[in-house]
Amino acid sequence: MAKILWEMLGPPVGYGIMTDLFSLIFVRWEPLACTMAGALAVLPVLLWTCLKKTGGRTEICGLDIQDGGVCIFSGIAACLAVNTLIKASGLPGIFTGFSQRAGDLYGPSAGLQICAMGVVIPLTEELIFRELGFGRLREHTGFLQSALLSSALFGLWHGNVVQGLYGFCMGIMFAWTLERKKTVAAPVLMHMAANLTSVAVTALGGL
């Protein structure tokens, strides 16, 4: 059990350490740029770990056009639905951590937001929390337990209640998608689509 916990916690801890290192070294960088740099730094190790875990059989791609389109549409719909429900619950007014974090996410240039939140960070986080986290748990227990635990870790990673709840709900859907499609490309596309939707809607003043 200790080995499983280490394999689950090691990648996000390494990701966090690299992000913090970039923040300390490049103090003038935007926080989002530091997070993207941290993600890029750990990405080669994550890819190598995933390939090693599956004996070189990790599916990074493997979706046809129709399935890819469904994943993109599902990511957009899930982002809008979960954000609407959270907003309607009144939680953002009670827990203000996200409002303080929003400036770091949506304050930088559109190009940085698209590169970081739309491409690099979703790919890195899906390898960490779904391919490695959920996938490792799934080898030892059922889908529900694996999805709940990996999604809870994904939610905690976000660092505040509102984003944590959003991350938990989205994590369940990402895990279910990986379970069904058997390729990490599916939740990666969903995650990218959800983040880009959030970027676009926020830019329009909707979230």
Protein backbone atom coordinates (compact mmCIF):
# COMPACT_ATOMS: atom_id res chain seq x y z
CA MET A 1 0.00 0.00 0.00
CA ALA A 2 2.87 2.37 0.82
CA LYS A 3 4.31 1.80 -2.65
CA ILE A 4 0.98 2.63 -4.28
CA LEU A 5 0.65 5.82 -2.22
CA TRP A 6 4.17 6.88 -3.18
CA GLU A 7 3.48 6.23 -6.86
CA MET A 8 0.33 8.34 -6.56
CA LEU A 9 1.80 11.19 -4.51
CA GLY A 10 5.30 11.32 -5.99
CA PRO A 11 4.38 12.80 -9.41
CA PRO A 12 2.19 15.67 -8.09
CA VAL A 13 4.77 16.46 -5.40
CA GLY A 14 7.50 16.61 -8.03
CA TYR A 15 5.29 18.80 -10.21
CA GLY A 16 4.69 21.16 -7.29
CA ILE A 17 8.37 21.32 -6.40
CA MET A 18 9.37 22.18 -9.96
CA THR A 19 6.69 24.89 -10.14
CA ASP A 20 7.91 26.38 -6.85
CA LEU A 21 11.51 26.30 -8.06
CA PHE A 22 10.60 28.28 -11.17
CA SER A 23 8.69 30.74 -8.98
CA LEU A 24 11.75 31.25 -6.79
CA ILE A 25 14.24 31.53 -9.65
CA PHE A 26 12.16 33.63 -12.03
CA VAL A 27 10.43 35.98 -9.62
CA ARG A 28 9.20 38.27 -12.39
CA TRP A 29 7.34 35.49 -14.18
CA GLU A 30 3.58 35.17 -14.00
CA PRO A 31 2.46 32.37 -11.63
CA LEU A 32 0.77 30.67 -14.59
CA ALA A 33 4.05 30.75 -16.54
CA CYS A 34 5.84 29.11 -13.59
CA THR A 35 3.18 26.39 -13.44
CA MET A 36 3.55 25.75 -17.17
CA ALA A 37 7.33 25.61 -16.83
CA GLY A 38 6.99 23.13 -13.97
CA ALA A 39 4.65 21.02 -16.08
CA LEU A 40 7.07 21.04 -19.01
CA ALA A 41 9.95 20.10 -16.71
CA VAL A 42 8.24 16.96 -15.39
CA LEU A 43 6.56 15.96 -18.65
CA PRO A 44 9.47 13.88 -20.06
CA VAL A 45 9.72 11.96 -16.78
CA LEU A 46 5.97 11.35 -16.77
CA LEU A 47 6.01 10.04 -20.32
CA TRP A 48 8.94 7.75 -19.53
CA THR A 49 7.20 6.50 -16.35
CA CYS A 50 3.97 5.79 -18.23
CA LEU A 51 5.81 3.88 -20.95
CA LYS A 52 7.79 1.91 -18.38
CA LYS A 53 4.65 1.07 -16.40
CA THR A 54 2.95 -0.46 -19.42
CA GLY A 55 6.01 -1.95 -21.08
CA GLY A 56 5.92 0.65 -23.84
CA ARG A 57 2.22 0.22 -24.52
CA THR A 58 0.88 3.47 -23.02
CA GLU A 59 -1.78 4.90 -25.31
CA ILE A 60 -1.02 8.59 -25.70
CA CYS A 61 -3.13 8.70 -28.84
CA GLY A 62 -5.59 6.14 -30.09
CA LEU A 63 -8.83 8.06 -30.65
CA ASP A 64 -10.63 8.32 -33.95
CA ILE A 65 -12.11 11.63 -35.11
CA GLN A 66 -15.60 10.84 -33.84
CA ASP A 67 -14.45 9.86 -30.35
CA GLY A 68 -12.17 12.90 -30.25
CA GLY A 69 -15.09 15.16 -31.12
CA VAL A 70 -17.24 13.58 -28.42
CA CYS A 71 -14.48 14.12 -25.85
CA ILE A 72 -14.11 17.77 -26.84
CA PHE A 73 -17.87 18.37 -26.71
CA SER A 74 -18.10 16.54 -23.36
CA GLY A 75 -15.31 18.67 -21.91
CA ILE A 76 -17.06 21.88 -22.97
CA ALA A 77 -20.43 20.73 -21.63
CA ALA A 78 -18.97 19.46 -18.36
CA CYS A 79 -17.10 22.72 -17.75
CA LEU A 80 -20.22 24.82 -18.27
CA ALA A 81 -22.48 22.49 -16.26
CA VAL A 82 -20.21 22.08 -13.23
CA ASN A 83 -19.33 25.77 -13.09
CA THR A 84 -23.02 26.70 -13.32
CA LEU A 85 -23.93 24.35 -10.47
CA ILE A 86 -21.09 25.60 -8.26
CA LYS A 87 -22.02 29.22 -8.95
CA ALA A 88 -25.69 28.50 -8.18
CA SER A 89 -24.72 26.83 -4.89
CA GLY A 90 -23.36 30.10 -3.51
CA LEU A 91 -20.06 28.50 -2.51
CA PRO A 92 -17.89 31.09 -4.34
CA GLY A 93 -19.34 33.75 -2.04
CA ILE A 94 -18.53 31.71 1.07
CA PHE A 95 -15.10 30.43 0.09
CA THR A 96 -13.13 33.26 -1.48
CA GLY A 97 -9.92 31.37 -2.22
CA PHE A 98 -10.72 31.00 -5.90
CA SER A 99 -11.42 34.70 -6.40
CA GLN A 100 -7.90 35.38 -5.14
CA ARG A 101 -6.48 32.69 -7.44
CA ALA A 102 -8.46 33.78 -10.50
CA GLY A 103 -6.15 36.70 -11.22
CA ASP A 104 -3.19 34.33 -11.52
CA LEU A 105 -5.08 32.14 -13.97
CA TYR A 106 -6.97 34.65 -16.09
CA GLY A 107 -4.82 37.75 -15.69
CA PRO A 108 -1.96 36.82 -18.07
CA SER A 109 -2.08 37.24 -21.84
CA ALA A 110 -4.47 35.14 -23.90
CA GLY A 111 -1.54 33.37 -25.55
CA LEU A 112 -0.10 32.24 -22.21
CA GLN A 113 -3.51 31.12 -20.98
CA ILE A 114 -4.08 29.04 -24.12
CA CYS A 115 -0.61 27.45 -24.08
CA ALA A 116 -0.60 26.78 -20.34
CA MET A 117 -4.19 25.95 -19.43
CA GLY A 118 -5.23 24.74 -22.85
CA VAL A 119 -2.32 22.47 -23.72
CA VAL A 120 0.61 21.89 -21.37
CA ILE A 121 -1.06 21.72 -17.96
CA PRO A 122 -3.97 19.44 -19.00
CA LEU A 123 -1.58 16.96 -20.62
CA THR A 124 0.70 16.89 -17.57
CA GLU A 125 -2.14 16.64 -15.07
CA GLU A 126 -3.89 13.83 -16.94
CA LEU A 127 -0.69 11.80 -17.00
CA ILE A 128 -0.28 12.43 -13.25
CA PHE A 129 -3.81 12.04 -11.94
CA ARG A 130 -5.44 9.70 -14.45
CA GLU A 131 -2.80 7.61 -16.26
CA LEU A 132 -0.62 7.16 -13.17
CA GLY A 133 -2.93 7.95 -10.22
CA PHE A 134 -6.23 6.43 -11.30
CA GLY A 135 -4.50 3.79 -13.40
CA ARG A 136 -2.35 2.55 -10.50
CA LEU A 137 -5.32 2.35 -8.15
CA ARG A 138 -7.38 0.61 -10.80
CA GLU A 139 -4.91 -2.26 -10.84
CA HIS A 140 -5.84 -3.04 -7.23
CA THR A 141 -9.44 -1.97 -6.72
CA GLY A 142 -12.71 -1.20 -8.48
CA PHE A 143 -13.54 1.74 -10.67
CA LEU A 144 -15.53 3.72 -8.10
CA GLN A 145 -12.89 3.58 -5.39
CA SER A 146 -10.12 4.42 -7.87
CA ALA A 147 -12.07 7.31 -9.39
CA LEU A 148 -13.05 8.77 -6.01
CA LEU A 149 -9.54 8.62 -4.53
CA SER A 150 -7.72 9.94 -7.59
CA SER A 151 -10.33 12.68 -8.09
CA ALA A 152 -10.11 13.69 -4.41
CA LEU A 153 -6.34 14.07 -4.83
CA PHE A 154 -6.91 16.07 -8.01
CA GLY A 155 -9.34 18.33 -6.16
CA LEU A 156 -6.96 18.86 -3.24
CA TRP A 157 -4.20 19.75 -5.71
CA HIS A 158 -6.13 22.88 -6.71
CA GLY A 159 -5.69 24.36 -3.24
CA ASN A 160 -9.07 25.97 -2.56
CA VAL A 161 -12.62 24.79 -1.96
CA VAL A 162 -14.28 26.04 -5.14
CA GLN A 163 -11.60 24.81 -7.53
CA GLY A 164 -11.23 21.67 -5.47
CA LEU A 165 -14.91 20.81 -5.85
CA TYR A 166 -14.75 21.58 -9.55
CA GLY A 167 -11.61 19.46 -9.92
CA PHE A 168 -13.19 16.56 -8.03
CA CYS A 169 -16.30 16.54 -10.22
CA MET A 170 -14.30 16.85 -13.42
CA GLY A 171 -11.85 14.21 -12.20
CA ILE A 172 -14.67 11.68 -11.87
CA MET A 173 -15.68 12.34 -15.48
CA PHE A 174 -12.09 12.17 -16.71
CA ALA A 175 -11.57 8.86 -14.91
CA TRP A 176 -14.78 7.43 -16.36
CA THR A 177 -13.64 8.51 -19.83
CA LEU A 178 -10.27 6.82 -19.38
CA GLU A 179 -12.03 3.69 -18.14
CA ARG A 180 -14.25 3.60 -21.22
CA LYS A 181 -11.80 4.61 -23.94
CA LYS A 182 -8.65 2.93 -22.57
CA THR A 183 -6.44 5.79 -23.76
CA VAL A 184 -5.27 8.84 -21.85
CA ALA A 185 -5.83 10.89 -25.00
CA ALA A 186 -9.55 10.91 -24.19
CA PRO A 187 -9.38 12.69 -20.80
CA VAL A 188 -6.57 14.89 -22.11
CA LEU A 189 -8.86 16.20 -24.86
CA MET A 190 -11.71 16.65 -22.38
CA HIS A 191 -9.46 18.51 -19.96
CA MET A 192 -8.07 20.75 -22.70
CA ALA A 193 -11.56 21.54 -23.99
CA ALA A 194 -12.85 22.30 -20.48
CA ASN A 195 -9.95 24.62 -19.69
CA LEU A 196 -10.17 26.45 -23.00
CA THR A 197 -13.91 26.88 -22.46
CA SER A 198 -13.21 28.39 -19.04
CA VAL A 199 -10.64 30.74 -20.58
CA ALA A 200 -13.02 31.83 -23.35
CA VAL A 201 -16.06 32.30 -21.12
CA THR A 202 -14.05 34.20 -18.50
CA ALA A 203 -12.67 36.49 -21.21
CA LEU A 204 -16.27 37.22 -22.17
CA GLY A 205 -17.18 37.94 -18.54
CA GLY A 206 -19.29 34.84 -18.04
CA LEU A 207 -17.52 32.94 -15.23
